[in-house]
Amino acid sequence: MIRRIVVLCASLALLATACADRNAGTLGPVRGDPLPSANDEPSPRATPSGETSSEPQDDTMSYEVWFGHGNGPWLFATERTEPFDPAIGTAALNALFDGPTQAERDVGVFTAIPLGTELLSLSIEDGLATADLSGEYESGGGSASMFLRLAQLTYTLTQFGSVDEVTFTLDGQPVGEFFSEAGIVLDDYMTRETWADLLPPILVQTPVVGERAGSPITVTGTANVFEATVSISVLDAAGNEIVRTFTTATCGTGCRGEYSEAVDYDVDRTQAGIVRVYESSAENGEPINVVEVPVTLVG
């Protein structure tokens, strides 16, 4: 395991305070395909073999890029689509270091990875991805920022079926202790499980931010909520709730499960809208752990 000498929850509170301004907004984590766990294969279009793809070389490829959002702060997954390139792992990391798009920033998405961080090389062998990063990766920020940027790197790489574990070097040099002030000792390879405590209570994977979402909207993700019950609403451009429903995750109340629901809606014209995903409080029924994803509703 990665030894984290500084207590994680206290560190996250510090980062939440430091990032309060850039975390404004209600959008939760979103992406285009169901989130693979550390042991699952992702969508074939996002599966490399080392740095090459054995899939048919279509015109485009899509992959995850993981950022941060909210006052957790929580991991946030989004998606990029671009012309096909067999070096999809390299493309994903380059997109990670480019940071969120302006549209994502507008709804509070941020990155803990310092500006100027570059990917110098990437190799994938026997399930282990090794990224050589420029020294900027370790600069700036407190301990919680360091935890989040390590998680961003790990989740972005482990989306691929060929990657189970992640390690990295800085300017070609091995890293034993990352950010000495935080006491993060890298004495083992990183996996998704290493950073599972940075996942939000409700992770929305589809729809993605800004998606033109016709009826029915397919709402998918993972959640760890009371009695595994995930509530879903669709709001129109005026903020009126036009649909309310719920679904059940495959696990809940202390464990994370997957959920998926096709939600029918009807509007008289194409307009901006919001897909709201939330948990009803066991105490008073009020919405908690609310995730709001802005979309375009098709009339």
Protein backbone atom coordinates (compact mmCIF):
# COMPACT_ATOMS: atom_id res chain seq x y z
CA MET A 1 0.00 0.00 0.00
CA ILE A 2 0.98 3.64 -0.47
CA ARG A 3 1.73 4.96 3.01
CA ARG A 4 0.10 8.29 3.66
CA ILE A 5 1.59 9.69 6.85
CA VAL A 6 -0.67 12.74 6.91
CA VAL A 7 -4.29 11.92 7.74
CA LEU A 8 -6.16 12.00 4.43
CA CYS A 9 -9.47 13.42 5.59
CA ALA A 10 -7.80 16.40 7.25
CA SER A 11 -5.74 17.01 4.14
CA LEU A 12 -8.80 16.94 1.92
CA ALA A 13 -10.43 19.56 4.10
CA LEU A 14 -7.44 21.82 3.55
CA LEU A 15 -7.62 21.37 -0.22
CA ALA A 16 -11.35 22.00 -0.22
CA THR A 17 -10.75 25.35 1.49
CA ALA A 18 -7.92 26.27 -0.85
CA CYS A 19 -9.97 25.42 -3.93
CA ALA A 20 -13.29 26.91 -2.80
CA ASP A 21 -13.40 29.54 -5.53
CA ARG A 22 -12.68 27.17 -8.40
CA ASN A 23 -15.02 24.49 -7.04
CA ALA A 24 -18.14 26.60 -7.45
CA GLY A 25 -20.98 24.83 -9.24
CA THR A 26 -23.07 21.73 -8.79
CA LEU A 27 -21.80 19.44 -11.51
CA GLY A 28 -20.67 16.01 -10.37
CA PRO A 29 -18.33 13.52 -12.04
CA VAL A 30 -19.41 12.49 -15.52
CA ARG A 31 -18.06 10.52 -18.45
CA GLY A 32 -19.27 8.73 -21.52
CA ASP A 33 -19.00 5.00 -20.74
CA PRO A 34 -19.51 2.91 -17.61
CA LEU A 35 -16.55 3.28 -15.29
CA PRO A 36 -14.36 0.17 -15.29
CA SER A 37 -13.09 -1.06 -11.96
CA ALA A 38 -9.47 -2.08 -11.55
CA ASN A 39 -10.38 -5.59 -12.70
CA ASP A 40 -12.78 -4.74 -15.53
CA GLU A 41 -12.13 -4.25 -19.23
CA PRO A 42 -13.20 -0.85 -20.54
CA SER A 43 -15.04 -0.21 -23.78
CA PRO A 44 -13.13 -1.79 -26.71
CA ARG A 45 -12.59 1.63 -28.24
CA ALA A 46 -10.47 2.60 -25.22
CA THR A 47 -8.39 -0.56 -24.82
CA PRO A 48 -4.73 -0.40 -25.77
CA SER A 49 -2.26 -3.24 -25.82
CA GLY A 50 0.76 -1.53 -24.33
CA GLU A 51 0.82 1.63 -26.41
CA THR A 52 -0.97 0.12 -29.42
CA SER A 53 -4.53 -0.94 -30.12
CA SER A 54 -5.59 -4.28 -31.53
CA GLU A 55 -9.08 -2.91 -32.25
CA PRO A 56 -10.10 -1.79 -35.74
CA GLN A 57 -8.62 1.62 -36.40
CA ASP A 58 -11.75 3.75 -36.59
CA ASP A 59 -11.62 7.42 -37.43
CA THR A 60 -11.92 8.46 -33.77
CA MET A 61 -11.19 7.17 -30.29
CA SER A 62 -12.63 8.07 -26.90
CA TYR A 63 -11.02 7.81 -23.47
CA GLU A 64 -11.40 9.00 -19.87
CA VAL A 65 -9.55 11.90 -18.28
CA TRP A 66 -9.83 12.25 -14.49
CA PHE A 67 -9.92 15.58 -12.67
CA GLY A 68 -11.32 16.88 -9.39
CA HIS A 69 -14.60 18.49 -8.37
CA GLY A 70 -16.48 19.59 -5.29
CA ASN A 71 -15.62 20.13 -1.68
CA GLY A 72 -14.54 16.53 -1.06
CA PRO A 73 -12.70 17.10 -3.18
CA TRP A 74 -13.79 14.15 -5.26
CA LEU A 75 -12.38 12.51 -8.34
CA PHE A 76 -14.15 13.59 -11.50
CA ALA A 77 -14.14 11.65 -14.77
CA THR A 78 -14.82 13.16 -18.15
CA GLU A 79 -14.28 12.01 -21.71
CA ARG A 80 -12.30 13.11 -24.73
CA THR A 81 -12.88 12.09 -28.35
CA GLU A 82 -10.25 12.75 -31.01
CA PRO A 83 -8.80 11.26 -34.21
CA PHE A 84 -7.57 7.71 -33.76
CA ASP A 85 -4.01 7.27 -32.48
CA PRO A 86 -2.63 3.85 -31.41
CA ALA A 87 -0.77 5.57 -28.55
CA ILE A 88 -4.00 6.10 -26.65
CA GLY A 89 -2.33 6.00 -23.23
CA THR A 90 -0.05 8.85 -24.22
CA ALA A 91 -3.03 10.78 -25.60
CA ALA A 92 -4.94 10.33 -22.34
CA LEU A 93 -2.06 11.60 -20.21
CA ASN A 94 -1.42 14.56 -22.50
CA ALA A 95 -5.11 15.47 -22.18
CA LEU A 96 -4.83 15.09 -18.40
CA PHE A 97 -1.92 17.51 -18.26
CA ASP A 98 -3.78 19.96 -20.51
CA GLY A 99 -6.40 20.23 -17.75
CA PRO A 100 -10.18 20.66 -17.91
CA THR A 101 -11.86 22.41 -20.81
CA GLN A 102 -13.30 25.85 -20.24
CA ALA A 103 -16.80 24.39 -20.15
CA GLU A 104 -15.72 21.99 -17.42
CA ARG A 105 -14.02 24.75 -15.45
CA ASP A 106 -17.18 26.81 -15.66
CA VAL A 107 -18.98 24.18 -13.58
CA GLY A 108 -16.23 23.77 -11.01
CA VAL A 109 -13.99 21.07 -12.43
CA PHE A 110 -10.29 21.53 -11.60
CA THR A 111 -7.00 19.67 -11.66
CA ALA A 112 -4.47 19.24 -8.87
CA ILE A 113 -1.68 18.66 -11.42
CA PRO A 114 0.55 21.73 -11.81
CA LEU A 115 0.62 23.69 -15.04
CA GLY A 116 3.65 22.78 -17.12
CA THR A 117 3.74 19.09 -16.17
CA GLU A 118 4.78 17.06 -19.19
CA LEU A 119 4.79 13.38 -20.12
CA LEU A 120 8.34 12.41 -21.08
CA SER A 121 7.62 8.73 -21.79
CA LEU A 122 5.12 5.97 -21.08
CA SER A 123 5.62 2.22 -21.05
CA ILE A 124 3.11 -0.53 -20.28
CA GLU A 125 4.38 -4.02 -19.53
CA ASP A 126 2.74 -6.97 -17.75
CA GLY A 127 -0.06 -4.79 -16.43
CA LEU A 128 2.24 -2.08 -15.04
CA ALA A 129 2.18 1.41 -16.54
CA THR A 130 5.31 3.49 -15.89
CA ALA A 131 5.11 7.18 -16.71
CA ASP A 132 8.17 9.40 -16.72
CA LEU A 133 6.96 12.89 -15.84
CA SER A 134 8.65 16.25 -15.70
CA GLY A 135 9.59 17.57 -12.27
CA GLU A 136 6.71 20.09 -12.30
CA TYR A 137 4.40 17.23 -11.29
CA GLU A 138 5.72 17.47 -7.70
CA SER A 139 5.62 21.24 -7.42
CA GLY A 140 3.16 23.39 -5.47
CA GLY A 141 0.17 22.50 -3.35
CA GLY A 142 -0.30 20.76 -0.03
CA SER A 143 -0.62 17.12 0.88
CA ALA A 144 -4.24 16.75 -0.25
CA SER A 145 -3.31 18.18 -3.64
CA MET A 146 -0.61 15.53 -3.87
CA PHE A 147 -3.07 12.73 -3.06
CA LEU A 148 -5.51 13.98 -5.69
CA ARG A 149 -2.91 14.35 -8.45
CA LEU A 150 -1.65 10.81 -7.78
CA ALA A 151 -5.24 9.57 -7.99
CA GLN A 152 -5.79 11.47 -11.24
CA LEU A 153 -2.76 9.80 -12.78
CA THR A 154 -3.79 6.37 -11.52
CA TYR A 155 -7.41 6.50 -12.64
CA THR A 156 -6.58 7.94 -16.05
CA LEU A 157 -4.17 5.08 -16.79
CA THR A 158 -6.11 2.20 -15.20
CA GLN A 159 -9.12 2.76 -17.45
CA PHE A 160 -7.28 0.57 -19.95
CA GLY A 161 -7.53 -3.20 -19.84
CA SER A 162 -3.77 -3.54 -20.22
CA VAL A 163 -3.09 -1.53 -17.03
CA ASP A 164 -3.65 -2.85 -13.50
CA GLU A 165 -1.00 -0.87 -11.62
CA VAL A 166 0.73 2.49 -12.03
CA THR A 167 4.10 3.93 -11.07
CA PHE A 168 6.08 6.94 -12.24
CA THR A 169 9.48 8.57 -12.32
CA LEU A 170 10.37 12.27 -12.31
CA ASP A 171 12.80 13.43 -14.99
CA GLY A 172 13.93 9.82 -15.28
CA GLN A 173 14.64 9.39 -11.57
CA PRO A 174 12.84 6.90 -9.28
CA VAL A 175 10.56 8.42 -6.64
CA GLY A 176 10.74 6.91 -3.15
CA GLU A 177 9.03 9.66 -1.21
CA PHE A 178 6.65 12.00 -2.98
CA PHE A 179 6.43 15.50 -1.51
CA SER A 180 8.39 14.96 1.70
CA GLU A 181 6.26 17.42 3.68
CA ALA A 182 3.25 15.14 3.20
CA GLY A 183 5.22 11.98 3.89
CA ILE A 184 3.77 10.06 0.96
CA VAL A 185 5.99 7.01 0.68
CA LEU A 186 5.67 5.26 -2.68
CA ASP A 187 6.65 1.78 -1.53
CA ASP A 188 4.15 -0.02 -3.78
CA TYR A 189 2.46 0.41 -7.14
CA MET A 190 -0.79 2.41 -7.25
CA THR A 191 -4.18 0.92 -8.19
CA ARG A 192 -7.72 2.26 -8.23
CA GLU A 193 -8.24 0.73 -4.81
CA THR A 194 -5.39 2.87 -3.47
CA TRP A 195 -7.49 6.00 -4.09
CA ALA A 196 -11.02 4.59 -3.76
CA ASP A 197 -11.71 6.95 -0.85
CA LEU A 198 -11.53 9.86 -3.31
CA LEU A 199 -14.56 8.65 -5.28
CA PRO A 200 -17.77 10.63 -4.57
CA PRO A 201 -20.84 9.00 -2.99
CA ILE A 202 -22.52 9.27 -6.41
CA LEU A 203 -20.44 9.10 -9.57
CA VAL A 204 -22.36 10.00 -12.74
CA GLN A 205 -20.79 8.50 -15.84
CA THR A 206 -23.47 9.34 -18.41
CA PRO A 207 -24.69 11.74 -19.59
CA VAL A 208 -21.59 13.90 -20.00
CA VAL A 209 -21.55 17.64 -19.53
CA GLY A 210 -23.02 19.48 -22.50
CA GLU A 211 -24.32 16.30 -24.13
CA ARG A 212 -27.20 16.58 -26.58
CA ALA A 213 -29.32 13.99 -24.82
CA GLY A 214 -32.43 12.75 -26.58
CA SER A 215 -35.19 10.85 -24.82
CA PRO A 216 -34.66 8.50 -23.15
CA ILE A 217 -31.55 9.77 -21.36
CA THR A 218 -29.41 6.91 -20.14
CA VAL A 219 -28.08 7.75 -16.69
CA THR A 220 -25.29 5.47 -15.47
CA GLY A 221 -22.59 5.45 -12.83
CA THR A 222 -21.58 4.01 -9.49
CA ALA A 223 -22.78 4.88 -6.01
CA ASN A 224 -22.39 4.10 -2.33
CA VAL A 225 -25.69 5.33 -0.90
CA PHE A 226 -28.34 4.32 1.66
CA GLU A 227 -30.13 1.13 0.63
CA ALA A 228 -28.50 1.48 -2.83
CA THR A 229 -31.31 3.84 -3.92
CA VAL A 230 -30.29 6.43 -6.52
CA SER A 231 -32.84 9.15 -7.35
CA ILE A 232 -32.93 10.91 -10.75
CA SER A 233 -34.70 14.07 -11.95
CA VAL A 234 -34.69 15.93 -15.26
CA LEU A 235 -35.09 19.73 -15.16
CA ASP A 236 -36.01 21.93 -18.11
CA ALA A 237 -34.52 25.30 -19.04
CA ALA A 238 -36.74 27.08 -16.49
CA GLY A 239 -35.57 24.75 -13.72
CA ASN A 240 -38.88 22.89 -13.58
CA GLU A 241 -38.72 19.19 -12.73
CA ILE A 242 -40.29 17.36 -15.66
CA VAL A 243 -39.37 13.81 -14.63
CA ARG A 244 -38.56 12.13 -11.33
CA THR A 245 -37.64 8.47 -10.94
CA PHE A 246 -35.18 6.22 -9.14
CA THR A 247 -33.06 3.14 -9.68
CA THR A 248 -31.16 0.71 -7.49
CA ALA A 249 -27.41 0.22 -7.52
CA THR A 250 -25.97 -3.27 -7.35
CA CYS A 251 -24.65 -2.51 -3.86
CA GLY A 252 -25.11 0.21 -1.26
CA THR A 253 -24.99 1.30 2.39
CA GLY A 254 -21.26 0.79 2.80
CA CYS A 255 -20.33 -0.64 -0.59
CA ARG A 256 -20.13 0.76 -4.11
CA GLY A 257 -22.40 -0.60 -6.81
CA GLU A 258 -23.27 0.20 -10.42
CA TYR A 259 -26.54 1.76 -11.53
CA SER A 260 -28.20 2.42 -14.88
CA GLU A 261 -31.58 3.86 -15.83
CA ALA A 262 -33.15 4.97 -19.12
CA VAL A 263 -35.21 8.08 -18.30
CA ASP A 264 -37.96 9.17 -20.71
CA TYR A 265 -38.83 12.86 -20.91
CA ASP A 266 -40.85 15.18 -23.13
CA VAL A 267 -40.21 18.85 -23.94
CA ASP A 268 -41.87 21.06 -26.56
CA ARG A 269 -38.60 22.45 -27.91
CA THR A 270 -34.88 21.79 -27.80
CA GLN A 271 -33.46 23.58 -24.77
CA ALA A 272 -30.88 23.57 -22.01
CA GLY A 273 -31.61 21.22 -19.16
CA ILE A 274 -30.15 19.46 -16.15
CA VAL A 275 -29.97 15.82 -15.15
CA ARG A 276 -29.96 15.69 -11.35
CA VAL A 277 -28.82 12.53 -9.57
CA TYR A 278 -28.98 12.35 -5.79
CA GLU A 279 -29.57 10.37 -2.62
CA SER A 280 -32.57 10.94 -0.39
CA SER A 281 -31.50 11.46 3.20
CA ALA A 282 -32.40 8.57 5.49
CA GLU A 283 -33.03 11.15 8.21
CA ASN A 284 -35.49 13.53 6.53
CA GLY A 285 -35.79 12.56 2.86
CA GLU A 286 -34.06 15.71 1.65
CA PRO A 287 -31.73 15.40 -1.39
CA ILE A 288 -28.07 14.89 -0.45
CA ASN A 289 -24.94 14.12 -2.46
CA VAL A 290 -26.57 15.95 -5.36
CA VAL A 291 -24.95 15.76 -8.81
CA GLU A 292 -26.25 18.08 -11.54
CA VAL A 293 -25.14 17.56 -15.12
CA PRO A 294 -26.01 20.29 -17.67
CA VAL A 295 -27.23 18.85 -20.98
CA THR A 296 -29.26 19.80 -24.04
CA LEU A 297 -32.76 18.33 -24.03
CA VAL A 298 -34.07 17.53 -27.51
CA GLY A 299 -37.64 18.60 -28.29
